[in-house]
Amino acid sequence: MEVPREFDDYVIGRELGRGATGTVYLAEDAMLARPVAIKFIARLDPGARQRFLLEARAIAQIHHPNVVGIYRIGKVESRTRWPSASRSASPAGSRRRTAATWCTATSSRAT
């Protein structure tokens, strides 16, 4: 699956992980100057898109420090995708690993 290098206010970086429903990339939200993880759907058939949307809606209902939140759902070149936070920091500023059921890889600032 080929993804654009840039779209909207996002600059796509390296691949973080790949699963049954899609691929997650580290990206930068250029307007807000923050790292995000963006998941692109793997297949274009209506069934896969519906499962992807159900998964995103379910995750969007979860509010927990160990689950990455979803900022929005959208389309790029007919591919459904969602941007989400790429890391979580405690008030003390230490990094904490974050994970979600949809992502097999964790992410932080690019290393």
N, C-alpha and C. Protein backbone atom coordinates (compact mmCIF):
# COMPACT_ATOMS: atom_id res chain seq x y z
N MET A 1 0.85 -1.17 0.00
CA MET A 1 0.00 0.00 0.00
C MET A 1 0.89 1.23 0.00
N GLU A 2 0.66 2.13 -0.90
CA GLU A 2 1.43 3.36 -0.97
C GLU A 2 0.65 4.49 -0.33
N VAL A 3 1.30 5.25 0.52
CA VAL A 3 0.65 6.39 1.17
C VAL A 3 1.34 7.67 0.72
N PRO A 4 0.61 8.78 0.73
CA PRO A 4 1.22 10.05 0.32
C PRO A 4 2.26 10.52 1.35
N ARG A 5 3.24 11.24 0.92
CA ARG A 5 4.26 11.78 1.83
C ARG A 5 3.66 12.87 2.72
N GLU A 6 2.73 13.66 2.17
CA GLU A 6 2.06 14.72 2.92
C GLU A 6 0.60 14.78 2.50
N PHE A 7 -0.27 15.17 3.43
CA PHE A 7 -1.67 15.46 3.13
C PHE A 7 -2.21 16.29 4.28
N ASP A 8 -3.23 17.07 4.01
CA ASP A 8 -3.78 17.99 5.01
C ASP A 8 -2.62 18.69 5.71
N ASP A 9 -2.55 18.60 7.02
CA ASP A 9 -1.46 19.22 7.78
C ASP A 9 -0.48 18.19 8.30
N TYR A 10 -0.46 17.00 7.72
CA TYR A 10 0.37 15.91 8.21
C TYR A 10 1.53 15.62 7.26
N VAL A 11 2.69 15.31 7.84
CA VAL A 11 3.85 14.86 7.09
C VAL A 11 4.11 13.43 7.55
N ILE A 12 4.00 12.49 6.63
CA ILE A 12 4.12 11.07 6.96
C ILE A 12 5.59 10.68 7.10
N GLY A 13 5.88 9.94 8.17
CA GLY A 13 7.22 9.44 8.42
C GLY A 13 7.30 7.94 8.22
N ARG A 14 7.99 7.30 9.13
CA ARG A 14 8.25 5.86 8.99
C ARG A 14 7.06 5.01 9.43
N GLU A 15 7.06 3.79 8.94
CA GLU A 15 6.03 2.81 9.34
C GLU A 15 6.32 2.35 10.76
N LEU A 16 5.25 2.31 11.57
CA LEU A 16 5.38 1.83 12.95
C LEU A 16 4.93 0.39 13.11
N GLY A 17 3.92 -0.01 12.36
CA GLY A 17 3.40 -1.36 12.50
C GLY A 17 2.37 -1.67 11.45
N ARG A 18 2.11 -2.96 11.29
CA ARG A 18 1.17 -3.42 10.27
C ARG A 18 0.32 -4.52 10.88
N GLY A 19 -0.98 -4.46 10.63
CA GLY A 19 -1.88 -5.47 11.16
C GLY A 19 -2.88 -5.91 10.11
N ALA A 20 -3.90 -6.62 10.55
CA ALA A 20 -4.90 -7.17 9.63
C ALA A 20 -5.72 -6.08 8.94
N THR A 21 -5.99 -4.99 9.65
CA THR A 21 -6.86 -3.96 9.06
C THR A 21 -6.11 -2.80 8.44
N GLY A 22 -4.84 -2.64 8.74
CA GLY A 22 -4.13 -1.49 8.17
C GLY A 22 -2.70 -1.37 8.64
N THR A 23 -2.09 -0.25 8.25
CA THR A 23 -0.70 0.05 8.57
C THR A 23 -0.65 1.38 9.32
N VAL A 24 0.17 1.43 10.37
CA VAL A 24 0.30 2.63 11.19
C VAL A 24 1.64 3.30 10.88
N TYR A 25 1.60 4.62 10.66
CA TYR A 25 2.79 5.41 10.37
C TYR A 25 2.97 6.50 11.41
N LEU A 26 4.22 6.80 11.73
CA LEU A 26 4.53 7.96 12.53
C LEU A 26 4.44 9.17 11.61
N ALA A 27 3.80 10.22 12.05
CA ALA A 27 3.66 11.43 11.24
C ALA A 27 3.80 12.65 12.15
N GLU A 28 3.89 13.80 11.53
CA GLU A 28 3.96 15.06 12.26
C GLU A 28 2.77 15.92 11.87
N ASP A 29 2.06 16.41 12.87
CA ASP A 29 1.00 17.40 12.63
C ASP A 29 1.73 18.73 12.51
N ALA A 30 1.90 19.21 11.28
CA ALA A 30 2.71 20.41 11.03
C ALA A 30 2.12 21.66 11.67
N MET A 31 0.82 21.78 11.73
CA MET A 31 0.19 22.96 12.30
C MET A 31 0.34 23.02 13.82
N LEU A 32 0.24 21.88 14.47
CA LEU A 32 0.31 21.85 15.93
C LEU A 32 1.68 21.41 16.44
N ALA A 33 2.59 21.10 15.53
CA ALA A 33 3.96 20.70 15.87
C ALA A 33 3.98 19.58 16.91
N ARG A 34 3.23 18.51 16.60
CA ARG A 34 3.22 17.36 17.51
C ARG A 34 3.24 16.08 16.70
N PRO A 35 3.85 15.03 17.27
CA PRO A 35 3.85 13.75 16.57
C PRO A 35 2.49 13.08 16.70
N VAL A 36 2.10 12.38 15.66
CA VAL A 36 0.87 11.60 15.66
C VAL A 36 1.15 10.26 15.00
N ALA A 37 0.29 9.31 15.26
CA ALA A 37 0.32 8.03 14.55
C ALA A 37 -0.91 8.01 13.66
N ILE A 38 -0.73 7.64 12.40
CA ILE A 38 -1.86 7.60 11.46
C ILE A 38 -1.98 6.18 10.93
N LYS A 39 -3.19 5.65 11.02
CA LYS A 39 -3.46 4.31 10.52
C LYS A 39 -4.22 4.42 9.20
N PHE A 40 -3.69 3.76 8.17
CA PHE A 40 -4.34 3.69 6.87
C PHE A 40 -4.95 2.31 6.70
N ILE A 41 -6.16 2.26 6.18
CA ILE A 41 -6.84 0.99 5.95
C ILE A 41 -6.09 0.20 4.88
N ALA A 42 -6.06 -1.11 5.05
CA ALA A 42 -5.31 -1.97 4.14
C ALA A 42 -6.07 -2.29 2.86
N ARG A 43 -7.37 -2.47 2.96
CA ARG A 43 -8.16 -2.86 1.78
C ARG A 43 -9.25 -1.83 1.54
N LEU A 44 -9.71 -1.78 0.31
CA LEU A 44 -10.70 -0.78 -0.07
C LEU A 44 -12.12 -1.32 -0.15
N ASP A 45 -12.32 -2.62 0.08
CA ASP A 45 -13.68 -3.16 -0.06
C ASP A 45 -14.58 -2.62 1.05
N PRO A 46 -15.89 -2.53 0.81
CA PRO A 46 -16.82 -1.96 1.79
C PRO A 46 -16.82 -2.67 3.14
N GLY A 47 -16.65 -3.98 3.15
CA GLY A 47 -16.63 -4.72 4.41
C GLY A 47 -15.45 -4.32 5.28
N ALA A 48 -14.28 -4.20 4.66
CA ALA A 48 -13.08 -3.80 5.41
C ALA A 48 -13.23 -2.38 5.93
N ARG A 49 -13.77 -1.50 5.12
CA ARG A 49 -13.98 -0.11 5.54
C ARG A 49 -14.94 -0.05 6.73
N GLN A 50 -16.00 -0.84 6.68
CA GLN A 50 -16.98 -0.85 7.77
C GLN A 50 -16.35 -1.36 9.07
N ARG A 51 -15.54 -2.42 8.99
CA ARG A 51 -14.86 -2.94 10.18
C ARG A 51 -13.89 -1.91 10.74
N PHE A 52 -13.18 -1.22 9.86
CA PHE A 52 -12.24 -0.17 10.26
C PHE A 52 -12.97 0.94 11.01
N LEU A 53 -14.12 1.37 10.49
CA LEU A 53 -14.89 2.44 11.13
C LEU A 53 -15.45 1.98 12.48
N LEU A 54 -15.93 0.74 12.56
CA LEU A 54 -16.41 0.21 13.83
C LEU A 54 -15.30 0.18 14.88
N GLU A 55 -14.12 -0.25 14.45
CA GLU A 55 -12.97 -0.30 15.34
C GLU A 55 -12.60 1.11 15.83
N ALA A 56 -12.57 2.07 14.91
CA ALA A 56 -12.24 3.45 15.28
C ALA A 56 -13.26 4.03 16.24
N ARG A 57 -14.53 3.79 15.97
CA ARG A 57 -15.59 4.31 16.85
C ARG A 57 -15.51 3.70 18.24
N ALA A 58 -15.19 2.41 18.31
CA ALA A 58 -15.06 1.76 19.61
C ALA A 58 -13.89 2.34 20.39
N ILE A 59 -12.75 2.50 19.73
CA ILE A 59 -11.57 3.06 20.39
C ILE A 59 -11.81 4.50 20.81
N ALA A 60 -12.56 5.25 20.01
CA ALA A 60 -12.84 6.66 20.34
C ALA A 60 -13.64 6.81 21.63
N GLN A 61 -14.33 5.75 22.05
CA GLN A 61 -15.12 5.80 23.28
C GLN A 61 -14.28 5.52 24.53
N ILE A 62 -13.06 5.06 24.33
CA ILE A 62 -12.19 4.71 25.45
C ILE A 62 -11.35 5.91 25.84
N HIS A 63 -11.37 6.23 27.12
CA HIS A 63 -10.56 7.33 27.65
C HIS A 63 -9.73 6.77 28.81
N HIS A 64 -8.50 6.41 28.49
CA HIS A 64 -7.61 5.80 29.48
C HIS A 64 -6.18 6.19 29.14
N PRO A 65 -5.34 6.43 30.13
CA PRO A 65 -3.97 6.86 29.85
C PRO A 65 -3.14 5.84 29.06
N ASN A 66 -3.53 4.58 29.05
CA ASN A 66 -2.79 3.56 28.32
C ASN A 66 -3.36 3.26 26.94
N VAL A 67 -4.37 4.00 26.53
CA VAL A 67 -4.97 3.80 25.20
C VAL A 67 -4.82 5.09 24.41
N VAL A 68 -4.26 4.98 23.23
CA VAL A 68 -4.06 6.14 22.37
C VAL A 68 -5.41 6.64 21.88
N GLY A 69 -5.66 7.94 22.01
CA GLY A 69 -6.92 8.52 21.56
C GLY A 69 -6.94 8.77 20.06
N ILE A 70 -8.12 8.83 19.51
CA ILE A 70 -8.29 9.11 18.08
C ILE A 70 -8.70 10.57 17.93
N TYR A 71 -8.00 11.30 17.08
CA TYR A 71 -8.33 12.71 16.83
C TYR A 71 -9.45 12.86 15.83
N ARG A 72 -9.41 12.08 14.74
CA ARG A 72 -10.44 12.18 13.71
C ARG A 72 -10.31 11.03 12.73
N ILE A 73 -11.34 10.86 11.91
CA ILE A 73 -11.34 9.87 10.83
C ILE A 73 -11.51 10.63 9.53
N GLY A 74 -10.80 10.24 8.51
CA GLY A 74 -10.92 10.93 7.23
C GLY A 74 -10.46 10.05 6.09
N LYS A 75 -10.43 10.62 4.90
CA LYS A 75 -10.00 9.89 3.71
C LYS A 75 -8.88 10.65 3.01
N VAL A 76 -7.94 9.88 2.48
CA VAL A 76 -6.86 10.41 1.66
C VAL A 76 -6.78 9.51 0.45
N GLU A 77 -6.95 10.08 -0.71
CA GLU A 77 -6.89 9.29 -1.95
C GLU A 77 -7.74 8.03 -1.83
N SER A 78 -8.97 8.18 -1.35
CA SER A 78 -9.95 7.10 -1.20
C SER A 78 -9.61 6.09 -0.12
N ARG A 79 -8.58 6.30 0.66
CA ARG A 79 -8.25 5.38 1.74
C ARG A 79 -8.70 6.00 3.06
N THR A 80 -9.45 5.24 3.84
CA THR A 80 -9.87 5.72 5.15
C THR A 80 -8.67 5.64 6.09
N ARG A 81 -8.54 6.65 6.94
CA ARG A 81 -7.44 6.67 7.90
C ARG A 81 -7.86 7.47 9.12
N TRP A 82 -7.13 7.27 10.23
CA TRP A 82 -7.36 8.10 11.41
C TRP A 82 -6.04 8.51 12.02
N PRO A 83 -5.91 9.79 12.39
CA PRO A 83 -4.75 10.23 13.14
C PRO A 83 -5.03 10.10 14.64
N SER A 84 -4.03 9.76 15.39
CA SER A 84 -4.18 9.64 16.84
C SER A 84 -2.89 10.08 17.51
N ALA A 85 -2.95 10.22 18.81
CA ALA A 85 -1.76 10.61 19.56
C ALA A 85 -0.69 9.55 19.39
N SER A 86 0.56 9.97 19.35
CA SER A 86 1.62 8.98 19.18
C SER A 86 2.29 8.62 20.49
N ARG A 87 2.12 9.44 21.52
CA ARG A 87 2.70 9.09 22.82
C ARG A 87 1.94 9.82 23.91
N SER A 88 2.17 9.40 25.12
CA SER A 88 1.56 10.04 26.27
C SER A 88 2.66 10.38 27.25
N ALA A 89 2.60 11.56 27.83
CA ALA A 89 3.61 11.97 28.80
C ALA A 89 2.94 12.23 30.14
N SER A 90 3.60 11.83 31.19
CA SER A 90 3.06 12.09 32.53
C SER A 90 3.30 13.55 32.88
N PRO A 91 2.62 14.06 33.92
CA PRO A 91 2.85 15.45 34.32
C PRO A 91 4.31 15.74 34.63
N ALA A 92 5.04 14.74 35.08
CA ALA A 92 6.46 14.94 35.39
C ALA A 92 7.31 14.99 34.14
N GLY A 93 6.72 14.71 32.99
CA GLY A 93 7.44 14.80 31.73
C GLY A 93 8.09 13.51 31.29
N SER A 94 8.01 12.45 32.07
CA SER A 94 8.60 11.19 31.65
C SER A 94 7.73 10.54 30.59
N ARG A 95 8.38 9.82 29.70
CA ARG A 95 7.63 9.14 28.64
C ARG A 95 7.05 7.85 29.17
N ARG A 96 5.86 7.54 28.69
CA ARG A 96 5.19 6.30 29.06
C ARG A 96 4.80 5.61 27.77
N ARG A 97 5.01 4.32 27.71
CA ARG A 97 4.62 3.58 26.51
C ARG A 97 3.11 3.57 26.40
N THR A 98 2.60 3.79 25.21
CA THR A 98 1.17 3.73 24.97
C THR A 98 0.89 2.66 23.95
N ALA A 99 -0.26 2.04 24.06
CA ALA A 99 -0.64 0.99 23.12
C ALA A 99 -2.14 1.00 22.97
N ALA A 100 -2.59 0.45 21.90
CA ALA A 100 -4.02 0.29 21.67
C ALA A 100 -4.22 -1.03 20.97
N THR A 101 -5.43 -1.54 21.03
CA THR A 101 -5.69 -2.84 20.43
C THR A 101 -5.44 -2.82 18.93
N TRP A 102 -5.53 -1.65 18.30
CA TRP A 102 -5.37 -1.57 16.86
C TRP A 102 -3.94 -1.45 16.42
N CYS A 103 -3.03 -1.25 17.33
CA CYS A 103 -1.65 -0.99 16.95
C CYS A 103 -0.72 -1.98 17.63
N THR A 104 0.05 -2.71 16.86
CA THR A 104 0.96 -3.68 17.45
C THR A 104 2.27 -3.02 17.87
N ALA A 105 2.51 -1.81 17.43
CA ALA A 105 3.74 -1.10 17.78
C ALA A 105 3.41 0.10 18.65
N THR A 106 4.32 0.44 19.53
CA THR A 106 4.16 1.67 20.29
C THR A 106 5.01 2.73 19.61
N SER A 107 4.74 3.97 19.91
CA SER A 107 5.51 5.02 19.27
C SER A 107 5.84 6.13 20.24
N SER A 108 6.87 6.85 19.92
CA SER A 108 7.25 8.04 20.66
C SER A 108 7.91 8.96 19.65
N ARG A 109 8.55 9.99 20.09
CA ARG A 109 9.24 10.86 19.14
C ARG A 109 10.19 10.00 18.32
N ALA A 110 10.33 10.34 17.05
CA ALA A 110 11.17 9.56 16.14
C ALA A 110 12.58 9.42 16.70
N THR A 111 13.10 8.21 16.61
CA THR A 111 14.45 7.99 17.12
C THR A 111 15.38 7.63 16.00
